[in-house]
PDB file of N, CA and C in Angstrom:
ATOM      1  N   MET A   1       6.621   6.884   2.836  1.00  0.00           N
ATOM      2  CA  MET A   1       7.190   5.709   2.209  1.00  0.00           C
ATOM      3  C   MET A   1       7.384   6.023   0.725  1.00  0.00           C
ATOM      4  N   ASN A   2       8.595   5.805   0.230  1.00  0.00           N
ATOM      5  CA  ASN A   2       8.838   6.053  -1.185  1.00  0.00           C
ATOM      6  C   ASN A   2       9.145   4.737  -1.904  1.00  0.00           C
ATOM      7  N   ALA A   3       9.234   4.812  -3.202  1.00  0.00           N
ATOM      8  CA  ALA A   3       9.407   3.614  -4.017  1.00  0.00           C
ATOM      9  C   ALA A   3      10.736   2.918  -3.731  1.00  0.00           C
ATOM     10  N   LYS A   4      11.761   3.666  -3.422  1.00  0.00           N
ATOM     11  CA  LYS A   4      13.066   3.069  -3.131  1.00  0.00           C
ATOM     12  C   LYS A   4      12.990   2.176  -1.892  1.00  0.00           C
ATOM     13  N   GLU A   5      12.296   2.655  -0.859  1.00  0.00           N
ATOM     14  CA  GLU A   5      12.123   1.858   0.356  1.00  0.00           C
ATOM     15  C   GLU A   5      11.288   0.612   0.081  1.00  0.00           C
ATOM     16  N   ILE A   6      10.286   0.756  -0.747  1.00  0.00           N
ATOM     17  CA  ILE A   6       9.392  -0.363  -1.050  1.00  0.00           C
ATOM     18  C   ILE A   6      10.129  -1.447  -1.825  1.00  0.00           C
ATOM     19  N   ARG A   7      10.966  -1.046  -2.754  1.00  0.00           N
ATOM     20  CA  ARG A   7      11.674  -2.018  -3.601  1.00  0.00           C
ATOM     21  C   ARG A   7      12.695  -2.852  -2.828  1.00  0.00           C
ATOM     22  N   GLN A   8      13.048  -2.437  -1.635  1.00  0.00           N
ATOM     23  CA  GLN A   8      14.016  -3.178  -0.827  1.00  0.00           C
ATOM     24  C   GLN A   8      13.375  -4.384  -0.144  1.00  0.00           C
ATOM     25  N   ASN A   9      12.055  -4.476  -0.168  1.00  0.00           N
ATOM     26  CA  ASN A   9      11.346  -5.563   0.493  1.00  0.00           C
ATOM     27  C   ASN A   9      11.148  -6.750  -0.440  1.00  0.00           C
ATOM     28  N   THR A  10      10.901  -7.904   0.165  1.00  0.00           N
ATOM     29  CA  THR A  10      10.605  -9.100  -0.619  1.00  0.00           C
ATOM     30  C   THR A  10       9.113  -9.149  -0.922  1.00  0.00           C
ATOM     31  N   LEU A  11       8.730 -10.055  -1.804  1.00  0.00           N
ATOM     32  CA  LEU A  11       7.329 -10.167  -2.207  1.00  0.00           C
ATOM     33  C   LEU A  11       6.407 -10.480  -1.032  1.00  0.00           C
ATOM     34  N   PRO A  12       6.726 -11.443  -0.159  1.00  0.00           N
ATOM     35  CA  PRO A  12       5.832 -11.690   0.993  1.00  0.00           C
ATOM     36  C   PRO A  12       5.710 -10.485   1.926  1.00  0.00           C
ATOM     37  N   GLU A  13       6.815  -9.755   2.108  1.00  0.00           N
ATOM     38  CA  GLU A  13       6.761  -8.556   2.946  1.00  0.00           C
ATOM     39  C   GLU A  13       5.864  -7.498   2.320  1.00  0.00           C
ATOM     40  N   LEU A  14       5.948  -7.365   0.998  1.00  0.00           N
ATOM     41  CA  LEU A  14       5.118  -6.388   0.304  1.00  0.00           C
ATOM     42  C   LEU A  14       3.640  -6.757   0.386  1.00  0.00           C
ATOM     43  N   GLN A  15       3.346  -8.034   0.272  1.00  0.00           N
ATOM     44  CA  GLN A  15       1.952  -8.461   0.367  1.00  0.00           C
ATOM     45  C   GLN A  15       1.409  -8.223   1.774  1.00  0.00           C
ATOM     46  N   LYS A  16       2.247  -8.427   2.780  1.00  0.00           N
ATOM     47  CA  LYS A  16       1.836  -8.157   4.160  1.00  0.00           C
ATOM     48  C   LYS A  16       1.604  -6.660   4.345  1.00  0.00           C
ATOM     49  N   LYS A  17       2.503  -5.843   3.812  1.00  0.00           N
ATOM     50  CA  LYS A  17       2.371  -4.390   3.909  1.00  0.00           C
ATOM     51  C   LYS A  17       1.113  -3.916   3.199  1.00  0.00           C
ATOM     52  N   LEU A  18       0.800  -4.514   2.053  1.00  0.00           N
ATOM     53  CA  LEU A  18      -0.402  -4.155   1.312  1.00  0.00           C
ATOM     54  C   LEU A  18      -1.652  -4.447   2.139  1.00  0.00           C
ATOM     55  N   ALA A  19      -1.683  -5.585   2.792  1.00  0.00           N
ATOM     56  CA  ALA A  19      -2.828  -5.928   3.641  1.00  0.00           C
ATOM     57  C   ALA A  19      -2.970  -4.930   4.789  1.00  0.00           C
ATOM     58  N   GLU A  20      -1.847  -4.542   5.383  1.00  0.00           N
ATOM     59  CA  GLU A  20      -1.877  -3.567   6.476  1.00  0.00           C
ATOM     60  C   GLU A  20      -2.398  -2.212   5.994  1.00  0.00           C
ATOM     61  N   LEU A  21      -1.941  -1.793   4.816  1.00  0.00           N
ATOM     62  CA  LEU A  21      -2.383  -0.508   4.276  1.00  0.00           C
ATOM     63  C   LEU A  21      -3.869  -0.522   3.940  1.00  0.00           C
ATOM     64  N   LYS A  22      -4.355  -1.634   3.396  1.00  0.00           N
ATOM     65  CA  LYS A  22      -5.774  -1.732   3.082  1.00  0.00           C
ATOM     66  C   LYS A  22      -6.620  -1.694   4.354  1.00  0.00           C
ATOM     67  N   GLU A  23      -6.131  -2.323   5.408  1.00  0.00           N
ATOM     68  CA  GLU A  23      -6.848  -2.285   6.680  1.00  0.00           C
ATOM     69  C   GLU A  23      -6.858  -0.861   7.243  1.00  0.00           C
ATOM     70  N   GLU A  24      -5.722  -0.173   7.132  1.00  0.00           N
ATOM     71  CA  GLU A  24      -5.653   1.208   7.598  1.00  0.00           C
ATOM     72  C   GLU A  24      -6.604   2.098   6.802  1.00  0.00           C
ATOM     73  N   LEU A  25      -6.669   1.890   5.492  1.00  0.00           N
ATOM     74  CA  LEU A  25      -7.575   2.669   4.652  1.00  0.00           C
ATOM     75  C   LEU A  25      -9.022   2.431   5.064  1.00  0.00           C
ATOM     76  N   PHE A  26      -9.376   1.189   5.339  1.00  0.00           N
ATOM     77  CA  PHE A  26     -10.727   0.880   5.797  1.00  0.00           C
ATOM     78  C   PHE A  26     -11.042   1.637   7.080  1.00  0.00           C
ATOM     79  N   ASN A  27     -10.109   1.603   8.033  1.00  0.00           N
ATOM     80  CA  ASN A  27     -10.321   2.296   9.303  1.00  0.00           C
ATOM     81  C   ASN A  27     -10.428   3.809   9.116  1.00  0.00           C
ATOM     82  N   LEU A  28      -9.612   4.361   8.233  1.00  0.00           N
ATOM     83  CA  LEU A  28      -9.672   5.795   7.972  1.00  0.00           C
ATOM     84  C   LEU A  28     -10.995   6.182   7.322  1.00  0.00           C
ATOM     85  N   ARG A  29     -11.474   5.368   6.402  1.00  0.00           N
ATOM     86  CA  ARG A  29     -12.769   5.647   5.776  1.00  0.00           C
ATOM     87  C   ARG A  29     -13.888   5.597   6.802  1.00  0.00           C
ATOM     88  N   PHE A  30     -13.805   4.644   7.706  1.00  0.00           N
ATOM     89  CA  PHE A  30     -14.808   4.534   8.755  1.00  0.00           C
ATOM     90  C   PHE A  30     -14.782   5.777   9.646  1.00  0.00           C
ATOM     91  N   GLN A  31     -13.588   6.210  10.051  1.00  0.00           N
ATOM     92  CA  GLN A  31     -13.454   7.408  10.877  1.00  0.00           C
ATOM     93  C   GLN A  31     -13.972   8.636  10.137  1.00  0.00           C
ATOM     94  N   HIS A  32     -13.708   8.699   8.841  1.00  0.00           N
ATOM     95  CA  HIS A  32     -14.164   9.827   8.035  1.00  0.00           C
ATOM     96  C   HIS A  32     -15.693   9.864   7.977  1.00  0.00           C
ATOM     97  N   THR A  33     -16.308   8.702   7.891  1.00  0.00           N
ATOM     98  CA  THR A  33     -17.763   8.620   7.809  1.00  0.00           C
ATOM     99  C   THR A  33     -18.427   9.123   9.089  1.00  0.00           C
ATOM    100  N   ILE A  34     -17.833   8.811  10.212  1.00  0.00           N
ATOM    101  CA  ILE A  34     -18.442   9.235  11.476  1.00  0.00           C
ATOM    102  C   ILE A  34     -17.820  10.532  12.000  1.00  0.00           C
ATOM    103  N   ASN A  35     -17.137  11.244  11.130  1.00  0.00           N
ATOM    104  CA  ASN A  35     -16.563  12.565  11.426  1.00  0.00           C
ATOM    105  C   ASN A  35     -15.596  12.557  12.604  1.00  0.00           C
ATOM    106  N   GLN A  36     -14.754  11.555  12.686  1.00  0.00           N
ATOM    107  CA  GLN A  36     -13.726  11.519  13.724  1.00  0.00           C
ATOM    108  C   GLN A  36     -12.318  11.512  13.138  1.00  0.00           C
ATOM    109  N   LEU A  37     -12.202  11.777  11.865  1.00  0.00           N
ATOM    110  CA  LEU A  37     -10.894  11.753  11.221  1.00  0.00           C
ATOM    111  C   LEU A  37     -10.181  13.082  11.453  1.00  0.00           C
ATOM    112  N   ASP A  38      -8.990  13.022  12.057  1.00  0.00           N
ATOM    113  CA  ASP A  38      -8.239  14.233  12.368  1.00  0.00           C
ATOM    114  C   ASP A  38      -7.561  14.821  11.138  1.00  0.00           C
ATOM    115  N   ASN A  39      -6.984  13.955  10.312  1.00  0.00           N
ATOM    116  CA  ASN A  39      -6.213  14.415   9.159  1.00  0.00           C
ATOM    117  C   ASN A  39      -6.752  13.763   7.891  1.00  0.00           C
ATOM    118  N   PRO A  40      -7.632  14.442   7.156  1.00  0.00           N
ATOM    119  CA  PRO A  40      -8.214  13.841   5.953  1.00  0.00           C
ATOM    120  C   PRO A  40      -7.189  13.569   4.840  1.00  0.00           C
ATOM    121  N   MET A  41      -6.063  14.257   4.879  1.00  0.00           N
ATOM    122  CA  MET A  41      -5.039  14.020   3.860  1.00  0.00           C
ATOM    123  C   MET A  41      -4.370  12.666   4.049  1.00  0.00           C
ATOM    124  N   ARG A  42      -4.547  12.056   5.210  1.00  0.00           N
ATOM    125  CA  ARG A  42      -3.993  10.719   5.451  1.00  0.00           C
ATOM    126  C   ARG A  42      -4.649   9.712   4.520  1.00  0.00           C
ATOM    127  N   LEU A  43      -5.931   9.928   4.178  1.00  0.00           N
ATOM    128  CA  LEU A  43      -6.615   9.054   3.214  1.00  0.00           C
ATOM    129  C   LEU A  43      -5.879   9.049   1.880  1.00  0.00           C
ATOM    130  N   VAL A  44      -5.524  10.227   1.410  1.00  0.00           N
ATOM    131  CA  VAL A  44      -4.820  10.351   0.130  1.00  0.00           C
ATOM    132  C   VAL A  44      -3.452   9.683   0.194  1.00  0.00           C
ATOM    133  N   ALA A  45      -2.747   9.892   1.297  1.00  0.00           N
ATOM    134  CA  ALA A  45      -1.407   9.325   1.448  1.00  0.00           C
ATOM    135  C   ALA A  45      -1.449   7.798   1.465  1.00  0.00           C
ATOM    136  N   VAL A  46      -2.431   7.231   2.163  1.00  0.00           N
ATOM    137  CA  VAL A  46      -2.537   5.770   2.240  1.00  0.00           C
ATOM    138  C   VAL A  46      -2.895   5.196   0.871  1.00  0.00           C
ATOM    139  N   LYS A  47      -3.780   5.860   0.135  1.00  0.00           N
ATOM    140  CA  LYS A  47      -4.130   5.393  -1.209  1.00  0.00           C
ATOM    141  C   LYS A  47      -2.906   5.382  -2.120  1.00  0.00           C
ATOM    142  N   LYS A  48      -2.071   6.415  -2.018  1.00  0.00           N
ATOM    143  CA  LYS A  48      -0.859   6.480  -2.838  1.00  0.00           C
ATOM    144  C   LYS A  48       0.134   5.395  -2.437  1.00  0.00           C
ATOM    145  N   ASP A  49       0.248   5.134  -1.136  1.00  0.00           N
ATOM    146  CA  ASP A  49       1.134   4.062  -0.673  1.00  0.00           C
ATOM    147  C   ASP A  49       0.656   2.709  -1.189  1.00  0.00           C
ATOM    148  N   ILE A  50      -0.661   2.492  -1.178  1.00  0.00           N
ATOM    149  CA  ILE A  50      -1.215   1.240  -1.707  1.00  0.00           C
ATOM    150  C   ILE A  50      -0.859   1.102  -3.184  1.00  0.00           C
ATOM    151  N   ALA A  51      -1.007   2.178  -3.941  1.00  0.00           N
ATOM    152  CA  ALA A  51      -0.682   2.134  -5.365  1.00  0.00           C
ATOM    153  C   ALA A  51       0.800   1.839  -5.586  1.00  0.00           C
ATOM    154  N   ARG A  52       1.664   2.433  -4.777  1.00  0.00           N
ATOM    155  CA  ARG A  52       3.105   2.181  -4.908  1.00  0.00           C
ATOM    156  C   ARG A  52       3.433   0.713  -4.640  1.00  0.00           C
ATOM    157  N   VAL A  53       2.858   0.176  -3.573  1.00  0.00           N
ATOM    158  CA  VAL A  53       3.131  -1.209  -3.216  1.00  0.00           C
ATOM    159  C   VAL A  53       2.600  -2.145  -4.305  1.00  0.00           C
ATOM    160  N   GLN A  54       1.406  -1.882  -4.805  1.00  0.00           N
ATOM    161  CA  GLN A  54       0.841  -2.723  -5.863  1.00  0.00           C
ATOM    162  C   GLN A  54       1.692  -2.668  -7.126  1.00  0.00           C
ATOM    163  N   THR A  55       2.231  -1.505  -7.433  1.00  0.00           N
ATOM    164  CA  THR A  55       3.085  -1.364  -8.615  1.00  0.00           C
ATOM    165  C   THR A  55       4.346  -2.206  -8.473  1.00  0.00           C
ATOM    166  N   VAL A  56       4.981  -2.153  -7.322  1.00  0.00           N
ATOM    167  CA  VAL A  56       6.215  -2.911  -7.108  1.00  0.00           C
ATOM    168  C   VAL A  56       5.908  -4.407  -7.106  1.00  0.00           C
ATOM    169  N   ILE A  57       4.792  -4.810  -6.500  1.00  0.00           N
ATOM    170  CA  ILE A  57       4.400  -6.222  -6.519  1.00  0.00           C
ATOM    171  C   ILE A  57       4.215  -6.696  -7.960  1.00  0.00           C
ATOM    172  N   ARG A  58       3.534  -5.896  -8.754  1.00  0.00           N
ATOM    173  CA  ARG A  58       3.311  -6.264 -10.156  1.00  0.00           C
ATOM    174  C   ARG A  58       4.629  -6.359 -10.914  1.00  0.00           C
ATOM    175  N   GLU A  59       5.564  -5.446 -10.656  1.00  0.00           N
ATOM    176  CA  GLU A  59       6.877  -5.492 -11.301  1.00  0.00           C
ATOM    177  C   GLU A  59       7.611  -6.787 -10.931  1.00  0.00           C
ATOM    178  N   LEU A  60       7.582  -7.126  -9.652  1.00  0.00           N
ATOM    179  CA  LEU A  60       8.271  -8.350  -9.204  1.00  0.00           C
ATOM    180  C   LEU A  60       7.629  -9.590  -9.816  1.00  0.00           C
ATOM    181  N   GLU A  61       6.307  -9.627  -9.882  1.00  0.00           N
ATOM    182  CA  GLU A  61       5.626 -10.777 -10.448  1.00  0.00           C
ATOM    183  C   GLU A  61       5.898 -10.913 -11.936  1.00  0.00           C
ATOM    184  N   SER A  62       5.927  -9.791 -12.661  1.00  0.00           N
ATOM    185  CA  SER A  62       6.201  -9.868 -14.093  1.00  0.00           C
ATOM    186  C   SER A  62       7.659 -10.243 -14.352  1.00  0.00           C
ATOM    187  N   LYS A  63       8.561  -9.796 -13.479  1.00  0.00           N
ATOM    188  CA  LYS A  63       9.972 -10.149 -13.607  1.00  0.00           C
ATOM    189  C   LYS A  63      10.155 -11.653 -13.358  1.00  0.00           C
ATOM    190  N   ASP A  64       9.446 -12.192 -12.356  1.00  0.00           N
ATOM    191  CA  ASP A  64       9.525 -13.615 -12.059  1.00  0.00           C
ATOM    192  C   ASP A  64       8.954 -14.457 -13.195  1.00  0.00           C
ATOM    193  N   SER A  65       7.848 -14.022 -13.780  1.00  0.00           N
ATOM    194  CA  SER A  65       7.252 -14.790 -14.860  1.00  0.00           C
ATOM    195  C   SER A  65       8.094 -14.718 -16.137  1.00  0.00           C
ATOM    196  N   ALA A  66       8.803 -13.614 -16.337  1.00  0.00           N
ATOM    197  CA  ALA A  66       9.681 -13.491 -17.511  1.00  0.00           C
ATOM    198  C   ALA A  66      10.909 -14.382 -17.364  1.00  0.00           C
ATOM    199  N   ASN A  67      11.379 -14.552 -16.138  1.00  0.00           N
ATOM    200  CA  ASN A  67      12.549 -15.400 -15.892  1.00  0.00           C
ATOM    201  C   ASN A  67      12.216 -16.883 -15.917  1.00  0.00           C
ATOM    202  N   ALA A  68      10.964 -17.223 -15.721  1.00  0.00           N
ATOM    203  CA  ALA A  68      10.570 -18.645 -15.658  1.00  0.00           C
ATOM    204  C   ALA A  68      10.426 -19.269 -17.014  1.00  0.00           C
TER     205      ALA A  68
END
């Protein structure tokens, strides 16, 4: 997932995606703890996706508050 794809979504869609990513990160951390994680680099990728989504959400919120 790249920033261009993320920016095409609306704010509610982004918030839903953020919740899904956080849940996935929780599950990956749990799998990592009990040594059942197949691809440890997936943890890094999910963290980066969360950061991208949070950045776009913050941009949209600041743009909305500037227009109000």
